[in-house]
Amino acid sequence: MMTGFVHLHNLLRWVILVLLIWSLINSFSKKNGKEARILTIVSHVMLLLGLVQWFAGAWGLKLIQAAGGMGAVMKDAMQRKMAIEHPLLMIISIALITVAGISVKKGKDNAKWFYLIALILILAGIPWSRPLMPGMH
């Protein structure tokens, strides 16, 4: 089951990136589409999948416990990326996407900046060393 969550999480990465870029372009051109709402929903689903993986999977809490604590994880770049940096950056990004979606719904002009910062954080936080699509090695 956890493998399915990982594959779905990996696949939804691309959905979020496409929707985020689409929402960003529309917010700069002052168009309000349904993609902002869909982006918010998909990003929240992604957050739930990620939290399940962090608490029950091998790259989160279990990794920190197996490594001997937070200090040991912070010394290893890959472990730090997967257990700390990736979840933190993604949670912040999803919060920004949510705020941007609310701004779009209210007709405010500041959504583009929230989307832009979220996109930068997501691109920085994605573990690019992992397979690009589910099932690829």
N, C-alpha and C. Protein backbone atom coordinates (compact mmCIF):
# COMPACT_ATOMS: atom_id res chain seq x y z
N MET A 1 0.82 -1.19 0.00
CA MET A 1 0.00 0.00 0.00
C MET A 1 0.86 1.26 0.00
N MET A 2 1.95 1.22 0.77
CA MET A 2 2.82 2.39 0.83
C MET A 2 3.45 2.67 -0.53
N THR A 3 3.75 1.63 -1.29
CA THR A 3 4.30 1.81 -2.63
C THR A 3 3.30 2.56 -3.51
N GLY A 4 2.04 2.22 -3.39
CA GLY A 4 1.00 2.93 -4.14
C GLY A 4 0.93 4.40 -3.75
N PHE A 5 1.05 4.69 -2.46
CA PHE A 5 1.07 6.08 -2.01
C PHE A 5 2.26 6.84 -2.59
N VAL A 6 3.41 6.19 -2.60
CA VAL A 6 4.62 6.82 -3.14
C VAL A 6 4.43 7.12 -4.63
N HIS A 7 3.89 6.14 -5.38
CA HIS A 7 3.67 6.35 -6.81
C HIS A 7 2.64 7.46 -7.07
N LEU A 8 1.56 7.46 -6.30
CA LEU A 8 0.55 8.51 -6.46
C LEU A 8 1.13 9.87 -6.10
N HIS A 9 1.90 9.92 -5.03
CA HIS A 9 2.56 11.17 -4.61
C HIS A 9 3.50 11.67 -5.71
N ASN A 10 4.23 10.75 -6.30
CA ASN A 10 5.17 11.08 -7.37
C ASN A 10 4.42 11.58 -8.61
N LEU A 11 3.34 10.94 -8.96
CA LEU A 11 2.56 11.33 -10.13
C LEU A 11 1.87 12.68 -9.93
N LEU A 12 1.34 12.90 -8.73
CA LEU A 12 0.66 14.17 -8.45
C LEU A 12 1.62 15.36 -8.47
N ARG A 13 2.90 15.10 -8.30
CA ARG A 13 3.89 16.18 -8.40
C ARG A 13 3.74 16.91 -9.73
N TRP A 14 3.58 16.14 -10.79
CA TRP A 14 3.48 16.73 -12.14
C TRP A 14 2.16 17.46 -12.33
N VAL A 15 1.09 16.91 -11.75
CA VAL A 15 -0.21 17.58 -11.83
C VAL A 15 -0.13 18.93 -11.13
N ILE A 16 0.48 18.95 -9.97
CA ILE A 16 0.60 20.20 -9.22
C ILE A 16 1.47 21.20 -9.97
N LEU A 17 2.59 20.75 -10.51
CA LEU A 17 3.45 21.68 -11.25
C LEU A 17 2.73 22.29 -12.45
N VAL A 18 2.00 21.48 -13.20
CA VAL A 18 1.26 21.99 -14.37
C VAL A 18 0.18 22.97 -13.92
N LEU A 19 -0.60 22.59 -12.91
CA LEU A 19 -1.65 23.48 -12.42
C LEU A 19 -1.08 24.76 -11.82
N LEU A 20 0.04 24.65 -11.14
CA LEU A 20 0.66 25.83 -10.53
C LEU A 20 1.16 26.80 -11.60
N ILE A 21 1.80 26.27 -12.62
CA ILE A 21 2.27 27.14 -13.71
C ILE A 21 1.09 27.76 -14.43
N TRP A 22 0.05 26.98 -14.66
CA TRP A 22 -1.16 27.48 -15.31
C TRP A 22 -1.80 28.59 -14.46
N SER A 23 -1.91 28.36 -13.15
CA SER A 23 -2.48 29.36 -12.25
C SER A 23 -1.62 30.61 -12.20
N LEU A 24 -0.32 30.42 -12.22
CA LEU A 24 0.60 31.56 -12.21
C LEU A 24 0.45 32.41 -13.46
N ILE A 25 0.40 31.76 -14.61
CA ILE A 25 0.22 32.50 -15.87
C ILE A 25 -1.12 33.24 -15.86
N ASN A 26 -2.18 32.56 -15.44
CA ASN A 26 -3.49 33.21 -15.39
C ASN A 26 -3.53 34.36 -14.39
N SER A 27 -2.83 34.24 -13.28
CA SER A 27 -2.86 35.33 -12.30
C SER A 27 -2.07 36.54 -12.79
N PHE A 28 -1.00 36.31 -13.57
CA PHE A 28 -0.27 37.44 -14.14
C PHE A 28 -1.07 38.11 -15.26
N SER A 29 -1.90 37.34 -15.97
CA SER A 29 -2.72 37.92 -17.03
C SER A 29 -4.11 38.29 -16.53
N LYS A 30 -4.28 38.25 -15.21
CA LYS A 30 -5.51 38.67 -14.54
C LYS A 30 -6.74 37.88 -14.97
N LYS A 31 -6.53 36.58 -15.24
CA LYS A 31 -7.64 35.68 -15.54
C LYS A 31 -7.87 34.79 -14.33
N ASN A 32 -9.11 34.58 -14.01
CA ASN A 32 -9.44 33.69 -12.90
C ASN A 32 -10.15 32.46 -13.45
N GLY A 33 -9.49 31.33 -13.35
CA GLY A 33 -10.07 30.09 -13.83
C GLY A 33 -10.29 29.11 -12.70
N LYS A 34 -10.85 27.99 -13.05
CA LYS A 34 -11.11 26.95 -12.05
C LYS A 34 -9.83 26.22 -11.66
N GLU A 35 -8.76 26.44 -12.40
CA GLU A 35 -7.51 25.73 -12.09
C GLU A 35 -6.98 26.09 -10.71
N ALA A 36 -7.27 27.30 -10.22
CA ALA A 36 -6.82 27.70 -8.89
C ALA A 36 -7.49 26.84 -7.82
N ARG A 37 -8.77 26.58 -7.98
CA ARG A 37 -9.49 25.74 -7.02
C ARG A 37 -9.02 24.28 -7.11
N ILE A 38 -8.84 23.81 -8.33
CA ILE A 38 -8.36 22.44 -8.53
C ILE A 38 -6.96 22.28 -7.94
N LEU A 39 -6.11 23.29 -8.14
CA LEU A 39 -4.75 23.27 -7.58
C LEU A 39 -4.80 23.16 -6.06
N THR A 40 -5.67 23.92 -5.44
CA THR A 40 -5.78 23.88 -3.99
C THR A 40 -6.21 22.49 -3.52
N ILE A 41 -7.18 21.91 -4.18
CA ILE A 41 -7.67 20.59 -3.80
C ILE A 41 -6.58 19.53 -3.99
N VAL A 42 -5.93 19.53 -5.15
CA VAL A 42 -4.90 18.54 -5.43
C VAL A 42 -3.72 18.70 -4.47
N SER A 43 -3.36 19.93 -4.16
CA SER A 43 -2.23 20.13 -3.24
C SER A 43 -2.57 19.65 -1.83
N HIS A 44 -3.82 19.78 -1.42
CA HIS A 44 -4.21 19.28 -0.10
C HIS A 44 -4.23 17.75 -0.07
N VAL A 45 -4.66 17.14 -1.16
CA VAL A 45 -4.59 15.68 -1.25
C VAL A 45 -3.13 15.23 -1.18
N MET A 46 -2.27 15.96 -1.90
CA MET A 46 -0.84 15.65 -1.89
C MET A 46 -0.28 15.79 -0.48
N LEU A 47 -0.70 16.80 0.25
CA LEU A 47 -0.25 16.99 1.63
C LEU A 47 -0.64 15.79 2.49
N LEU A 48 -1.87 15.33 2.35
CA LEU A 48 -2.32 14.17 3.13
C LEU A 48 -1.50 12.94 2.79
N LEU A 49 -1.26 12.70 1.50
CA LEU A 49 -0.43 11.57 1.09
C LEU A 49 0.98 11.70 1.67
N GLY A 50 1.52 12.90 1.62
CA GLY A 50 2.86 13.12 2.16
C GLY A 50 2.94 12.91 3.65
N LEU A 51 1.92 13.35 4.38
CA LEU A 51 1.92 13.16 5.83
C LEU A 51 1.82 11.69 6.20
N VAL A 52 1.01 10.94 5.46
CA VAL A 52 0.93 9.49 5.69
C VAL A 52 2.30 8.87 5.47
N GLN A 53 2.97 9.27 4.40
CA GLN A 53 4.29 8.72 4.12
C GLN A 53 5.31 9.14 5.16
N TRP A 54 5.21 10.37 5.66
CA TRP A 54 6.18 10.84 6.64
C TRP A 54 6.04 10.07 7.96
N PHE A 55 4.79 9.83 8.37
CA PHE A 55 4.57 9.14 9.64
C PHE A 55 4.69 7.62 9.53
N ALA A 56 4.31 7.05 8.39
CA ALA A 56 4.27 5.58 8.27
C ALA A 56 5.33 5.03 7.34
N GLY A 57 5.92 5.87 6.50
CA GLY A 57 6.88 5.39 5.51
C GLY A 57 8.31 5.39 6.04
N ALA A 58 9.20 5.02 5.15
CA ALA A 58 10.60 4.85 5.53
C ALA A 58 11.40 6.15 5.55
N TRP A 59 10.90 7.22 4.92
CA TRP A 59 11.71 8.43 4.77
C TRP A 59 11.34 9.56 5.72
N GLY A 60 10.58 9.29 6.75
CA GLY A 60 10.19 10.35 7.67
C GLY A 60 10.57 10.05 9.10
N LEU A 61 9.55 9.86 9.90
CA LEU A 61 9.75 9.62 11.32
C LEU A 61 10.58 8.36 11.57
N LYS A 62 10.32 7.31 10.82
CA LYS A 62 11.08 6.06 11.01
C LYS A 62 12.56 6.25 10.68
N LEU A 63 12.85 7.07 9.69
CA LEU A 63 14.24 7.37 9.33
C LEU A 63 14.93 8.11 10.47
N ILE A 64 14.25 9.08 11.04
CA ILE A 64 14.83 9.85 12.14
C ILE A 64 15.10 8.94 13.34
N GLN A 65 14.15 8.06 13.64
CA GLN A 65 14.33 7.13 14.76
C GLN A 65 15.45 6.14 14.48
N ALA A 66 15.51 5.60 13.28
CA ALA A 66 16.53 4.60 12.93
C ALA A 66 17.93 5.20 12.88
N ALA A 67 18.01 6.47 12.49
CA ALA A 67 19.31 7.12 12.37
C ALA A 67 19.88 7.51 13.73
N GLY A 68 19.07 7.47 14.76
CA GLY A 68 19.56 7.82 16.09
C GLY A 68 19.19 9.23 16.50
N GLY A 69 18.23 9.81 15.85
CA GLY A 69 17.76 11.13 16.24
C GLY A 69 17.97 12.18 15.16
N MET A 70 17.50 13.36 15.46
CA MET A 70 17.53 14.46 14.51
C MET A 70 18.95 14.90 14.17
N GLY A 71 19.84 14.85 15.13
CA GLY A 71 21.22 15.26 14.90
C GLY A 71 21.90 14.43 13.83
N ALA A 72 21.68 13.13 13.86
CA ALA A 72 22.29 12.25 12.86
C ALA A 72 21.69 12.49 11.48
N VAL A 73 20.39 12.72 11.42
CA VAL A 73 19.73 12.98 10.13
C VAL A 73 20.24 14.30 9.53
N MET A 74 20.44 15.29 10.36
CA MET A 74 20.87 16.60 9.86
C MET A 74 22.29 16.56 9.28
N LYS A 75 23.08 15.57 9.63
CA LYS A 75 24.45 15.46 9.12
C LYS A 75 24.51 14.80 7.75
N ASP A 76 23.47 14.09 7.35
CA ASP A 76 23.44 13.40 6.06
C ASP A 76 22.52 14.17 5.11
N ALA A 77 23.06 14.63 3.98
CA ALA A 77 22.32 15.50 3.07
C ALA A 77 21.04 14.85 2.53
N MET A 78 21.11 13.60 2.10
CA MET A 78 19.94 12.94 1.53
C MET A 78 18.87 12.70 2.59
N GLN A 79 19.30 12.25 3.76
CA GLN A 79 18.33 12.02 4.84
C GLN A 79 17.69 13.33 5.27
N ARG A 80 18.48 14.39 5.37
CA ARG A 80 17.95 15.70 5.75
C ARG A 80 16.94 16.19 4.72
N LYS A 81 17.27 16.00 3.43
CA LYS A 81 16.38 16.43 2.35
C LYS A 81 15.03 15.72 2.45
N MET A 82 15.06 14.38 2.63
CA MET A 82 13.82 13.60 2.61
C MET A 82 13.01 13.74 3.90
N ALA A 83 13.66 13.82 5.04
CA ALA A 83 12.95 13.81 6.31
C ALA A 83 12.60 15.20 6.83
N ILE A 84 13.37 16.22 6.41
CA ILE A 84 13.17 17.55 6.99
C ILE A 84 12.85 18.60 5.92
N GLU A 85 13.78 18.81 4.98
CA GLU A 85 13.64 19.91 4.03
C GLU A 85 12.44 19.74 3.10
N HIS A 86 12.29 18.55 2.50
CA HIS A 86 11.18 18.32 1.57
C HIS A 86 9.82 18.55 2.25
N PRO A 87 9.55 17.92 3.40
CA PRO A 87 8.24 18.15 4.02
C PRO A 87 8.01 19.61 4.43
N LEU A 88 9.04 20.25 4.96
CA LEU A 88 8.89 21.63 5.40
C LEU A 88 8.61 22.57 4.23
N LEU A 89 9.39 22.44 3.17
CA LEU A 89 9.18 23.30 2.00
C LEU A 89 7.82 23.05 1.36
N MET A 90 7.38 21.81 1.33
CA MET A 90 6.09 21.50 0.71
C MET A 90 4.92 22.00 1.55
N ILE A 91 5.03 21.90 2.86
CA ILE A 91 3.97 22.43 3.73
C ILE A 91 3.85 23.94 3.56
N ILE A 92 4.98 24.63 3.52
CA ILE A 92 4.96 26.08 3.30
C ILE A 92 4.37 26.39 1.93
N SER A 93 4.75 25.63 0.92
CA SER A 93 4.24 25.86 -0.44
C SER A 93 2.74 25.65 -0.52
N ILE A 94 2.24 24.61 0.13
CA ILE A 94 0.80 24.36 0.11
C ILE A 94 0.05 25.45 0.86
N ALA A 95 0.63 25.97 1.92
CA ALA A 95 0.02 27.10 2.62
C ALA A 95 -0.05 28.31 1.69
N LEU A 96 1.01 28.57 0.94
CA LEU A 96 1.02 29.68 -0.01
C LEU A 96 0.01 29.47 -1.13
N ILE A 97 -0.10 28.25 -1.62
CA ILE A 97 -1.09 27.94 -2.66
C ILE A 97 -2.50 28.17 -2.13
N THR A 98 -2.74 27.80 -0.89
CA THR A 98 -4.05 28.01 -0.28
C THR A 98 -4.37 29.49 -0.15
N VAL A 99 -3.40 30.27 0.32
CA VAL A 99 -3.60 31.72 0.44
C VAL A 99 -3.83 32.34 -0.95
N ALA A 100 -3.08 31.88 -1.94
CA ALA A 100 -3.27 32.38 -3.30
C ALA A 100 -4.66 32.03 -3.82
N GLY A 101 -5.12 30.81 -3.55
CA GLY A 101 -6.46 30.43 -3.98
C GLY A 101 -7.53 31.30 -3.34
N ILE A 102 -7.35 31.64 -2.08
CA ILE A 102 -8.30 32.54 -1.40
C ILE A 102 -8.24 33.92 -2.03
N SER A 103 -7.03 34.38 -2.37
CA SER A 103 -6.88 35.69 -3.02
C SER A 103 -7.56 35.71 -4.39
N VAL A 104 -7.43 34.63 -5.14
CA VAL A 104 -8.09 34.54 -6.45
C VAL A 104 -9.60 34.59 -6.26
N LYS A 105 -10.09 33.84 -5.29
CA LYS A 105 -11.54 33.80 -5.05
C LYS A 105 -12.08 35.17 -4.66
N LYS A 106 -11.29 35.94 -3.91
CA LYS A 106 -11.71 37.28 -3.49
C LYS A 106 -11.42 38.34 -4.54
N GLY A 107 -10.76 37.95 -5.63
CA GLY A 107 -10.47 38.90 -6.70
C GLY A 107 -9.29 39.81 -6.43
N LYS A 108 -8.43 39.43 -5.50
CA LYS A 108 -7.25 40.25 -5.19
C LYS A 108 -6.16 39.99 -6.22
N ASP A 109 -5.25 40.93 -6.33
CA ASP A 109 -4.20 40.88 -7.34
C ASP A 109 -2.90 40.24 -6.84
N ASN A 110 -2.83 39.87 -5.57
CA ASN A 110 -1.57 39.39 -5.01
C ASN A 110 -1.35 37.89 -5.15
N ALA A 111 -2.27 37.16 -5.74
CA ALA A 111 -2.15 35.70 -5.85
C ALA A 111 -0.90 35.31 -6.63
N LYS A 112 -0.54 36.10 -7.63
CA LYS A 112 0.61 35.74 -8.47
C LYS A 112 1.89 35.62 -7.67
N TRP A 113 2.05 36.45 -6.66
CA TRP A 113 3.28 36.40 -5.87
C TRP A 113 3.30 35.18 -4.96
N PHE A 114 2.15 34.82 -4.41
CA PHE A 114 2.08 33.60 -3.61
C PHE A 114 2.37 32.38 -4.47
N TYR A 115 1.79 32.36 -5.69
CA TYR A 115 2.04 31.24 -6.61
C TYR A 115 3.51 31.18 -7.01
N LEU A 116 4.11 32.32 -7.26
CA LEU A 116 5.51 32.34 -7.68
C LEU A 116 6.44 31.82 -6.57
N ILE A 117 6.21 32.28 -5.36
CA ILE A 117 7.04 31.82 -4.24
C ILE A 117 6.81 30.33 -4.01
N ALA A 118 5.56 29.88 -4.11
CA ALA A 118 5.26 28.45 -3.94
C ALA A 118 5.97 27.62 -5.00
N LEU A 119 5.97 28.09 -6.24
CA LEU A 119 6.64 27.36 -7.33
C LEU A 119 8.14 27.26 -7.06
N ILE A 120 8.75 28.33 -6.63
CA ILE A 120 10.19 28.32 -6.33
C ILE A 120 10.49 27.33 -5.20
N LEU A 121 9.67 27.36 -4.15
CA LEU A 121 9.89 26.45 -3.02
C LEU A 121 9.67 24.99 -3.42
N ILE A 122 8.66 24.74 -4.25
CA ILE A 122 8.41 23.37 -4.70
C ILE A 122 9.56 22.86 -5.55
N LEU A 123 10.03 23.69 -6.47
CA LEU A 123 11.16 23.27 -7.31
C LEU A 123 12.42 23.02 -6.48
N ALA A 124 12.59 23.80 -5.43
CA ALA A 124 13.75 23.60 -4.54
C ALA A 124 13.57 22.37 -3.66
N GLY A 125 12.34 22.03 -3.33
CA GLY A 125 12.09 20.96 -2.39
C GLY A 125 11.88 19.59 -2.99
N ILE A 126 11.62 19.52 -4.29
CA ILE A 126 11.40 18.22 -4.92
C ILE A 126 12.71 17.43 -4.89
N PRO A 127 12.65 16.18 -4.46
CA PRO A 127 13.85 15.34 -4.50
C PRO A 127 14.08 14.85 -5.93
N TRP A 128 14.81 15.60 -6.71
CA TRP A 128 15.00 15.30 -8.13
C TRP A 128 15.82 14.04 -8.37
N SER A 129 16.46 13.53 -7.32
CA SER A 129 17.22 12.30 -7.48
C SER A 129 16.31 11.07 -7.53
N ARG A 130 15.06 11.23 -7.16
CA ARG A 130 14.09 10.15 -7.21
C ARG A 130 13.60 9.98 -8.66
N PRO A 131 12.99 8.85 -8.99
CA PRO A 131 12.49 8.65 -10.35
C PRO A 131 11.47 9.74 -10.74
N LEU A 132 11.51 10.15 -12.00
CA LEU A 132 10.63 11.21 -12.45
C LEU A 132 9.17 10.77 -12.58
N MET A 133 8.97 9.50 -12.87
CA MET A 133 7.61 8.96 -12.98
C MET A 133 7.54 7.67 -12.17
N PRO A 134 6.33 7.33 -11.69
CA PRO A 134 6.19 6.10 -10.91
C PRO A 134 6.65 4.88 -11.70
N GLY A 135 7.36 4.01 -11.04
CA GLY A 135 7.81 2.76 -11.66
C GLY A 135 9.12 2.87 -12.40
N MET A 136 9.63 4.08 -12.62
CA MET A 136 10.92 4.24 -13.30
C MET A 136 12.04 4.09 -12.28
N HIS A 137 13.16 3.54 -12.72
CA HIS A 137 14.31 3.39 -11.82
C HIS A 137 15.55 3.96 -12.45
